[in-house]
């Protein structure tokens, strides 16, 4: 040994200190880049000191990475030089390959893999304290960092890339936001979890998807006998009824049953007095997105709208309650809602009303029937068969079997549907 232990001690301590410094820079880089940007912004608004420092450093990621790499490379190169001196002191003239391999293992284990793994698992515990020293080093080494970044950004542009960051990278798309909600797990209650997803789906759904179709509308024909009209009002299950003349396309107004109280004091009640209590109908096009219509209801202080097609014909009616139910689920106490369209059977199949909405079927049964075209099950089956079917027809709708049970007045009234298990599908495939 060419040097005594007293002269080797400072070199060994220096080498250990440099490895610790390298571990600091490695963990700082991983910790800063692994921070949840949305949680970081939340903590910044909460005046968290560490989060504020980290956020300010991340505003210029090229400078942050520059100071980390400058510091990391400097201590690694210096550690390599000291390690060489230590190896010569111990072994005289060791093989460069052996020295390089030994140093690489030490740096990888103690200065790279271990600290980076810890930082990736606990980014906030590493990044926030590290930001103190990083902010100080950035001020001290700013001229060097600036020169390195200028040269680096020039090379980036020469290679055909943009040196400036993309401000939209931190903005979540519609699908990315859905993924965030899905992966929130138990942090969001299940009911609220579903509500958030339903709100995101409002942009995909139009009023045409959830309206009450015209053939199901309950309204008052002003041409009917007055006694029949009053009987209909007294037994109405809805608070608002369209008043029309002969045909639903000729709506003269919307009657709120609360307004009928004013008619009690009229000695000679007539249809003219009834019409005077109606409000002007609010018409909307069938293609209006639900989220837009929700704001329109709020803006216009309306709770019900008449949906018309491109020719101005009435397609149906949509209410504010219908849109809210798309978000929070069914909450109506309407008696008509007690008659379900889907009836489970003992054999695992379902008897479904042909007028049932495809979207409702998918929601209730967690199925994936195509809802991009026809809106009702009757329309979906008729579209697939390209004709009005007999009641004995059975059809495969992309893995969902439908047996038409009843056809009446050229409309499919009842359908038995089921989703076969994998064993049944294999048996069907083997039968050809």
Protein backbone atom coordinates (compact mmCIF):
# COMPACT_ATOMS: atom_id res chain seq x y z
CA UNK A 1 0.00 0.00 0.00
CA UNK A 2 1.59 3.26 -1.17
CA UNK A 3 -0.20 5.57 1.22
CA UNK A 4 -1.01 5.20 4.87
CA UNK A 5 -4.54 5.00 6.23
CA UNK A 6 -4.53 8.62 7.45
CA UNK A 7 -4.03 9.90 3.90
CA UNK A 8 -6.72 7.56 2.47
CA UNK A 9 -9.39 8.54 4.98
CA UNK A 10 -10.15 11.97 3.42
CA UNK A 11 -10.39 10.38 -0.04
CA UNK A 12 -12.79 7.72 1.17
CA UNK A 13 -14.93 10.26 3.04
CA UNK A 14 -14.95 12.50 -0.02
CA UNK A 15 -16.01 9.57 -2.22
CA UNK A 16 -18.87 8.67 0.16
CA UNK A 17 -19.97 12.33 0.27
CA UNK A 18 -19.98 12.53 -3.53
CA UNK A 19 -22.05 9.34 -3.80
CA UNK A 20 -24.57 10.85 -1.33
CA UNK A 21 -24.60 14.05 -3.40
CA UNK A 22 -25.18 12.03 -6.57
CA UNK A 23 -28.03 10.19 -4.83
CA UNK A 24 -29.51 13.57 -3.88
CA UNK A 25 -29.48 14.84 -7.48
CA UNK A 26 -30.88 11.56 -8.83
CA UNK A 27 -33.71 11.40 -6.30
CA UNK A 28 -34.47 15.11 -6.77
CA UNK A 29 -34.86 14.69 -10.51
CA UNK A 30 -37.21 11.70 -10.17
CA UNK A 31 -39.14 13.25 -7.29
CA UNK A 32 -39.72 16.57 -9.06
CA UNK A 33 -40.80 14.92 -12.30
CA UNK A 34 -43.04 12.40 -10.50
CA UNK A 35 -45.10 14.99 -8.65
CA UNK A 36 -48.83 14.91 -9.31
CA UNK A 37 -49.31 18.26 -11.04
CA UNK A 38 -52.95 18.58 -10.00
CA UNK A 39 -52.25 17.82 -6.35
CA UNK A 40 -49.30 20.23 -6.58
CA UNK A 41 -51.59 23.02 -7.77
CA UNK A 42 -54.01 22.24 -4.97
CA UNK A 43 -51.22 22.50 -2.38
CA UNK A 44 -49.99 25.74 -3.94
CA UNK A 45 -53.46 27.22 -3.47
CA UNK A 46 -53.28 25.98 0.12
CA UNK A 47 -50.05 27.98 0.64
CA UNK A 48 -47.85 24.91 1.09
CA UNK A 49 -44.28 26.28 1.13
CA UNK A 50 -42.61 23.23 -0.41
CA UNK A 51 -45.26 22.97 -3.11
CA UNK A 52 -44.77 26.64 -4.00
CA UNK A 53 -41.01 26.16 -4.40
CA UNK A 54 -41.43 23.00 -6.46
CA UNK A 55 -44.10 24.62 -8.63
CA UNK A 56 -41.88 27.61 -9.35
CA UNK A 57 -38.98 25.34 -10.34
CA UNK A 58 -41.25 23.25 -12.60
CA UNK A 59 -42.36 26.39 -14.45
CA UNK A 60 -38.96 26.21 -16.21
CA UNK A 61 -38.28 22.47 -16.51
CA UNK A 62 -35.31 22.97 -18.85
CA UNK A 63 -33.51 25.06 -16.22
CA UNK A 64 -34.43 22.62 -13.45
CA UNK A 65 -33.13 19.62 -15.37
CA UNK A 66 -30.07 21.64 -16.37
CA UNK A 67 -29.00 22.42 -12.81
CA UNK A 68 -29.71 18.83 -11.67
CA UNK A 69 -27.66 17.29 -14.49
CA UNK A 70 -24.81 19.76 -14.08
CA UNK A 71 -24.60 18.92 -10.39
CA UNK A 72 -25.06 15.18 -10.91
CA UNK A 73 -22.46 14.88 -13.67
CA UNK A 74 -19.95 17.00 -11.76
CA UNK A 75 -20.13 14.88 -8.60
CA UNK A 76 -20.11 11.63 -10.61
CA UNK A 77 -16.99 12.58 -12.57
CA UNK A 78 -15.29 13.80 -9.42
CA UNK A 79 -16.27 10.58 -7.64
CA UNK A 80 -14.77 8.59 -10.52
CA UNK A 81 -11.48 10.46 -10.19
CA UNK A 82 -11.31 9.93 -6.43
CA UNK A 83 -12.28 6.27 -6.85
CA UNK A 84 -9.35 5.85 -9.24
CA UNK A 85 -6.98 7.37 -6.69
CA UNK A 86 -8.32 5.07 -3.97
CA UNK A 87 -7.96 2.01 -6.24
CA UNK A 88 -4.34 2.94 -7.06
CA UNK A 89 -3.60 3.44 -3.39
CA UNK A 90 -4.97 0.00 -2.51
CA UNK A 91 -4.02 -2.10 -5.53
CA UNK A 92 -1.14 -0.22 -7.14
CA UNK A 93 -2.08 -0.35 -10.81
CA UNK A 94 -5.53 -2.00 -11.13
CA UNK A 95 -7.18 -2.79 -14.45
CA UNK A 96 -9.28 0.15 -15.73
CA UNK A 97 -12.10 -2.27 -16.60
CA UNK A 98 -12.26 -3.64 -13.06
CA UNK A 99 -12.26 -0.11 -11.63
CA UNK A 100 -14.99 1.01 -14.06
CA UNK A 101 -17.19 -2.02 -13.32
CA UNK A 102 -16.83 -1.61 -9.56
CA UNK A 103 -17.55 2.12 -9.72
CA UNK A 104 -20.54 1.54 -12.02
CA UNK A 105 -22.08 -0.95 -9.58
CA UNK A 106 -21.60 1.41 -6.64
CA UNK A 107 -23.09 4.38 -8.51
CA UNK A 108 -26.01 2.35 -9.90
CA UNK A 109 -26.98 0.85 -6.55
CA UNK A 110 -26.35 3.73 -4.16
CA UNK A 111 -26.65 6.83 -6.39
CA UNK A 112 -29.17 5.87 -9.07
CA UNK A 113 -31.53 2.90 -8.65
CA UNK A 114 -32.13 3.06 -4.89
CA UNK A 115 -32.67 6.84 -4.56
CA UNK A 116 -34.75 7.02 -7.73
CA UNK A 117 -36.95 4.15 -6.60
CA UNK A 118 -37.58 5.84 -3.26
CA UNK A 119 -38.30 9.16 -5.00
CA UNK A 120 -40.73 7.51 -7.42
CA UNK A 121 -42.61 5.93 -4.51
CA UNK A 122 -42.61 9.06 -2.31
CA UNK A 123 -42.18 12.05 -4.66
CA UNK A 124 -43.55 14.67 -2.30
CA UNK A 125 -41.30 13.62 0.60
CA UNK A 126 -38.26 13.95 -1.65
CA UNK A 127 -39.16 16.85 -3.96
CA UNK A 128 -40.35 19.44 -1.44
CA UNK A 129 -37.26 19.36 0.82
CA UNK A 130 -34.96 19.05 -2.22
CA UNK A 131 -36.45 22.17 -3.77
CA UNK A 132 -34.68 24.31 -1.14
CA UNK A 133 -31.18 23.38 -2.31
CA UNK A 134 -32.17 23.20 -5.96
CA UNK A 135 -33.51 26.76 -5.88
CA UNK A 136 -30.23 27.94 -4.29
CA UNK A 137 -28.08 26.03 -6.81
CA UNK A 138 -30.11 27.43 -9.69
CA UNK A 139 -29.28 30.97 -8.55
CA UNK A 140 -25.58 30.17 -8.05
CA UNK A 141 -25.16 28.27 -11.31
CA UNK A 142 -27.57 30.32 -13.40
CA UNK A 143 -24.93 31.54 -15.94
CA UNK A 144 -23.77 27.96 -16.58
CA UNK A 145 -27.34 26.69 -16.76
CA UNK A 146 -28.28 29.47 -19.18
CA UNK A 147 -25.39 28.65 -21.54
CA UNK A 148 -26.18 24.92 -21.45
CA UNK A 149 -29.89 25.56 -22.15
CA UNK A 150 -29.17 27.92 -25.06
CA UNK A 151 -26.97 25.33 -26.74
CA UNK A 152 -29.39 22.50 -25.95
CA UNK A 153 -32.47 24.37 -27.21
CA UNK A 154 -30.62 25.28 -30.41
CA UNK A 155 -29.88 21.60 -31.03
CA UNK A 156 -33.53 20.74 -30.32
CA UNK A 157 -34.70 23.22 -32.95
CA UNK A 158 -32.15 21.95 -35.47
CA UNK A 159 -33.57 18.45 -34.98
CA UNK A 160 -37.03 19.74 -35.91
CA UNK A 161 -38.62 19.89 -32.46
CA UNK A 162 -40.11 22.79 -30.54
CA UNK A 163 -37.96 23.98 -27.69
CA UNK A 164 -40.93 25.63 -25.97
CA UNK A 165 -43.23 23.53 -23.82
CA UNK A 166 -46.78 22.72 -24.81
CA UNK A 167 -49.19 24.52 -22.49
CA UNK A 168 -51.92 22.01 -23.34
CA UNK A 169 -49.97 19.04 -21.98
CA UNK A 170 -51.28 19.71 -18.47
CA UNK A 171 -54.86 20.07 -19.70
CA UNK A 172 -56.88 16.88 -19.42
CA UNK A 173 -58.94 15.76 -22.37
CA UNK A 174 -62.48 14.42 -21.97
CA UNK A 175 -61.30 10.80 -22.00
CA UNK A 176 -58.34 11.52 -19.70
CA UNK A 177 -60.68 13.14 -17.19
CA UNK A 178 -62.89 10.03 -17.31
CA UNK A 179 -59.80 7.93 -16.56
CA UNK A 180 -58.95 10.13 -13.57
CA UNK A 181 -62.46 9.63 -12.19
CA UNK A 182 -62.31 5.87 -12.84
CA UNK A 183 -58.97 5.54 -11.03
CA UNK A 184 -60.01 7.66 -8.06
CA UNK A 185 -61.08 4.42 -6.35
CA UNK A 186 -62.46 4.76 -2.86
CA UNK A 187 -61.50 8.42 -2.58
CA UNK A 188 -64.82 9.33 -4.21
CA UNK A 189 -68.04 7.70 -2.97
CA UNK A 190 -69.55 5.32 -5.51
CA UNK A 191 -72.69 7.40 -6.04
CA UNK A 192 -70.70 10.59 -6.67
CA UNK A 193 -68.33 8.60 -8.86
CA UNK A 194 -71.25 7.71 -11.13
CA UNK A 195 -72.56 11.27 -11.10
CA UNK A 196 -69.21 12.66 -12.25
CA UNK A 197 -69.09 10.19 -15.14
CA UNK A 198 -72.67 11.05 -16.07
CA UNK A 199 -71.81 14.75 -16.16
CA UNK A 200 -68.93 14.01 -18.52
CA UNK A 201 -71.31 12.03 -20.73
CA UNK A 202 -73.70 14.96 -21.12
CA UNK A 203 -71.61 16.28 -24.01
CA UNK A 204 -72.09 13.03 -25.91
CA UNK A 205 -75.87 12.90 -25.49
CA UNK A 206 -78.46 15.05 -27.25
CA UNK A 207 -82.04 15.77 -26.24
CA UNK A 208 -83.13 13.35 -28.97
CA UNK A 209 -81.60 10.52 -26.93
CA UNK A 210 -83.69 11.01 -23.80
CA UNK A 211 -86.87 12.82 -24.89
CA UNK A 212 -90.34 11.45 -24.27
CA UNK A 213 -91.45 10.52 -27.82
CA UNK A 214 -94.57 12.08 -29.23
CA UNK A 215 -96.55 8.83 -29.21
CA UNK A 216 -96.08 8.65 -25.43
CA UNK A 217 -96.98 12.29 -24.77
CA UNK A 218 -99.87 13.01 -22.47
CA UNK A 219 -101.51 16.29 -23.40
CA UNK A 220 -104.83 18.08 -23.59
CA UNK A 221 -106.69 18.37 -26.87
CA UNK A 222 -108.55 21.63 -26.51
CA UNK A 223 -111.15 20.33 -28.96
CA UNK A 224 -112.27 17.65 -26.48
CA UNK A 225 -115.30 18.09 -24.29
CA UNK A 226 -114.66 20.42 -21.35
CA UNK A 227 -115.70 17.78 -18.80
CA UNK A 228 -113.25 15.30 -20.31
CA UNK A 229 -110.51 17.93 -20.15
CA UNK A 230 -111.22 18.65 -16.47
CA UNK A 231 -111.24 14.92 -15.69
CA UNK A 232 -107.89 14.56 -17.45
CA UNK A 233 -106.45 17.46 -15.44
CA UNK A 234 -107.69 16.02 -12.15
CA UNK A 235 -106.04 12.65 -12.82
CA UNK A 236 -102.85 13.95 -14.43
CA UNK A 237 -99.58 12.42 -13.25
CA UNK A 238 -97.50 15.34 -14.54
CA UNK A 239 -97.30 18.93 -13.35
CA UNK A 240 -97.08 20.35 -16.91
CA UNK A 241 -99.25 19.30 -19.83
CA UNK A 242 -99.06 20.47 -23.45
CA UNK A 243 -102.34 21.89 -24.73
CA UNK A 244 -102.88 21.34 -28.46
CA UNK A 245 -105.55 21.64 -31.08
CA UNK A 246 -106.43 18.43 -32.94
CA UNK A 247 -102.79 17.36 -33.33
CA UNK A 248 -99.73 17.51 -31.08
CA UNK A 249 -97.95 19.56 -33.79
CA UNK A 250 -100.42 22.37 -33.08
CA UNK A 251 -99.47 23.17 -29.48
CA UNK A 252 -101.19 26.30 -28.21
CA UNK A 253 -99.48 26.40 -24.82
CA UNK A 254 -98.17 24.57 -21.77
CA UNK A 255 -100.53 24.26 -18.82
CA UNK A 256 -98.99 24.14 -15.35
CA UNK A 257 -101.41 22.38 -13.02
CA UNK A 258 -100.60 24.93 -10.34
CA UNK A 259 -102.32 27.51 -12.56
CA UNK A 260 -105.53 25.51 -12.63
CA UNK A 261 -106.24 26.67 -9.09
CA UNK A 262 -107.17 30.05 -10.52
CA UNK A 263 -109.97 28.41 -12.50
CA UNK A 264 -111.83 27.29 -9.40
CA UNK A 265 -113.31 30.72 -8.75
CA UNK A 266 -114.62 31.15 -12.29
CA UNK A 267 -118.39 30.66 -12.35
CA UNK A 268 -118.65 29.73 -16.01
CA UNK A 269 -115.46 27.92 -16.81
CA UNK A 270 -114.70 27.70 -20.51
CA UNK A 271 -111.85 26.68 -22.78
CA UNK A 272 -110.78 30.27 -23.39
CA UNK A 273 -110.09 30.72 -19.66
CA UNK A 274 -108.10 27.49 -19.72
CA UNK A 275 -105.99 28.65 -22.66
CA UNK A 276 -105.29 31.99 -20.94
CA UNK A 277 -103.58 30.09 -18.11
CA UNK A 278 -101.16 28.34 -20.47
CA UNK A 279 -97.61 29.50 -21.05
CA UNK A 280 -95.89 29.94 -24.39
CA UNK A 281 -94.26 26.65 -25.49
CA UNK A 282 -90.47 26.59 -25.53
CA UNK A 283 -89.17 24.87 -28.67
CA UNK A 284 -85.69 23.39 -29.10
CA UNK A 285 -84.02 21.40 -31.92
CA UNK A 286 -83.52 17.66 -31.52
CA UNK A 287 -79.72 17.92 -31.92
CA UNK A 288 -79.16 20.10 -28.83
CA UNK A 289 -76.53 18.55 -26.51
CA UNK A 290 -77.76 17.86 -23.00
CA UNK A 291 -75.14 20.03 -21.29
CA UNK A 292 -76.18 22.95 -23.52
CA UNK A 293 -79.86 22.41 -22.82
CA UNK A 294 -79.21 22.24 -19.10
CA UNK A 295 -77.71 25.74 -19.21
CA UNK A 296 -80.52 26.92 -21.51
CA UNK A 297 -83.13 25.76 -18.99
CA UNK A 298 -81.28 27.66 -16.29
CA UNK A 299 -80.89 30.77 -18.44
CA UNK A 300 -84.50 30.90 -19.63
CA UNK A 301 -85.97 29.80 -16.28
CA UNK A 302 -87.81 26.97 -18.04
CA UNK A 303 -88.39 23.40 -16.90
CA UNK A 304 -89.88 21.82 -20.03
CA UNK A 305 -89.17 22.12 -23.75
CA UNK A 306 -90.87 20.84 -26.89
CA UNK A 307 -88.38 19.07 -29.17
CA UNK A 308 -88.85 19.54 -32.91
CA UNK A 309 -87.07 18.00 -35.90
CA UNK A 310 -85.58 19.80 -38.89
CA UNK A 311 -89.04 20.17 -40.45
CA UNK A 312 -90.56 21.71 -37.34
CA UNK A 313 -92.62 18.66 -36.44
CA UNK A 314 -92.88 17.78 -32.75
CA UNK A 315 -90.68 14.80 -31.84
CA UNK A 316 -91.34 14.81 -28.13
CA UNK A 317 -90.80 16.64 -24.87
CA UNK A 318 -87.84 16.95 -22.53
CA UNK A 319 -87.88 18.30 -18.99
CA UNK A 320 -85.23 19.58 -16.62
CA UNK A 321 -85.95 16.53 -14.48
CA UNK A 322 -85.03 14.24 -17.40
CA UNK A 323 -81.58 15.84 -17.66
CA UNK A 324 -81.01 15.77 -13.92
CA UNK A 325 -81.88 12.07 -13.88
CA UNK A 326 -79.15 11.53 -16.46
CA UNK A 327 -76.72 12.83 -13.82
CA UNK A 328 -78.05 11.59 -10.48
CA UNK A 329 -80.19 8.65 -11.60
CA UNK A 330 -83.90 8.06 -11.19
CA UNK A 331 -85.51 10.08 -8.42
CA UNK A 332 -89.00 10.66 -9.77
CA UNK A 333 -92.11 9.68 -7.82
CA UNK A 334 -94.18 9.70 -10.99
CA UNK A 335 -96.63 6.79 -11.04
CA UNK A 336 -95.80 6.11 -14.66
CA UNK A 337 -92.22 5.38 -13.67
CA UNK A 338 -93.31 2.40 -11.60
CA UNK A 339 -93.97 0.34 -14.76
CA UNK A 340 -90.52 -1.00 -15.65
CA UNK A 341 -89.58 -1.80 -19.22
CA UNK A 342 -87.14 -4.56 -18.26
CA UNK A 343 -88.33 -7.71 -16.50
CA UNK A 344 -85.75 -10.34 -15.42
CA UNK A 345 -86.72 -13.99 -15.95
CA UNK A 346 -85.80 -17.13 -14.02
CA UNK A 347 -83.67 -18.47 -16.89
CA UNK A 348 -81.44 -15.37 -16.88
CA UNK A 349 -83.10 -13.67 -19.83
CA UNK A 350 -85.04 -10.38 -19.78
CA UNK A 351 -88.44 -9.48 -21.19
CA UNK A 352 -88.01 -5.95 -22.53
CA UNK A 353 -90.57 -3.54 -23.90
CA UNK A 354 -89.87 -2.67 -27.55
CA UNK A 355 -90.20 1.03 -26.76
CA UNK A 356 -87.43 0.86 -24.15
CA UNK A 357 -84.50 3.18 -24.80
CA UNK A 358 -81.29 1.46 -25.90
CA UNK A 359 -79.37 3.75 -23.57
CA UNK A 360 -81.56 2.74 -20.62
CA UNK A 361 -81.08 -0.95 -21.41
CA UNK A 362 -77.31 -0.50 -21.53
CA UNK A 363 -77.36 1.42 -18.27
CA UNK A 364 -79.57 -1.00 -16.34
CA UNK A 365 -78.03 -4.23 -17.60
CA UNK A 366 -74.45 -2.94 -18.14
CA UNK A 367 -74.70 -4.02 -21.77
CA UNK A 368 -73.10 -2.41 -24.81
CA UNK A 369 -75.83 -2.38 -27.44
CA UNK A 370 -75.20 0.06 -30.29
CA UNK A 371 -76.91 3.33 -29.38
CA UNK A 372 -75.40 5.48 -32.13
CA UNK A 373 -78.30 4.88 -34.52
CA UNK A 374 -81.76 3.77 -33.41
CA UNK A 375 -82.87 5.09 -30.03
CA UNK A 376 -85.31 2.34 -29.03
CA UNK A 377 -85.06 -1.45 -28.99
CA UNK A 378 -87.84 -1.62 -31.59
CA UNK A 379 -85.85 0.66 -33.89
CA UNK A 380 -82.62 -1.25 -33.30
CA UNK A 381 -84.20 -4.60 -34.23
CA UNK A 382 -86.09 -3.20 -37.21
CA UNK A 383 -82.92 -1.56 -38.47
CA UNK A 384 -80.98 -4.84 -38.13
CA UNK A 385 -83.69 -6.94 -39.84
CA UNK A 386 -84.48 -4.30 -42.47
CA UNK A 387 -88.13 -5.28 -42.27
CA UNK A 388 -91.05 -5.61 -39.88
CA UNK A 389 -90.39 -9.01 -38.28
CA UNK A 390 -92.65 -11.86 -37.22
CA UNK A 391 -92.92 -12.68 -33.54
CA UNK A 392 -90.92 -15.89 -34.01
CA UNK A 393 -87.73 -14.21 -35.23
CA UNK A 394 -84.49 -14.53 -33.22
CA UNK A 395 -81.50 -12.35 -34.00
CA UNK A 396 -77.92 -11.97 -32.78
CA UNK A 397 -77.03 -8.34 -32.05
CA UNK A 398 -73.23 -8.41 -31.70
CA UNK A 399 -73.28 -11.07 -28.98
CA UNK A 400 -76.72 -10.25 -27.54
CA UNK A 401 -79.57 -12.58 -28.51
CA UNK A 402 -83.04 -11.15 -29.04
CA UNK A 403 -86.19 -13.21 -29.54
CA UNK A 404 -89.16 -11.18 -30.72
CA UNK A 405 -92.12 -12.25 -28.59
CA UNK A 406 -94.85 -9.87 -29.73
CA UNK A 407 -95.44 -7.65 -32.75
CA UNK A 408 -98.52 -5.47 -32.81
CA UNK A 409 -99.58 -2.66 -35.16
CA UNK A 410 -96.31 -3.06 -37.10
CA UNK A 411 -94.32 -2.33 -33.93
CA UNK A 412 -92.24 -4.73 -31.85
CA UNK A 413 -93.94 -4.73 -28.46
CA UNK A 414 -92.05 -7.35 -26.43
CA UNK A 415 -88.60 -8.89 -26.81
CA UNK A 416 -86.84 -11.59 -24.82
CA UNK A 417 -83.10 -10.84 -24.64
CA UNK A 418 -80.13 -12.52 -23.06
CA UNK A 419 -76.38 -12.51 -23.22
CA UNK A 420 -75.01 -16.05 -23.68
CA UNK A 421 -72.19 -17.34 -21.50
CA UNK A 422 -68.88 -18.34 -23.06
CA UNK A 423 -69.86 -22.03 -22.85
CA UNK A 424 -73.08 -21.41 -24.79
CA UNK A 425 -71.22 -19.39 -27.41
CA UNK A 426 -68.70 -22.21 -27.90
CA UNK A 427 -71.55 -24.71 -28.30
CA UNK A 428 -73.26 -22.47 -30.85
CA UNK A 429 -70.01 -22.09 -32.79
CA UNK A 430 -69.47 -25.87 -32.84
CA UNK A 431 -73.00 -26.38 -34.19
CA UNK A 432 -72.07 -24.19 -37.12
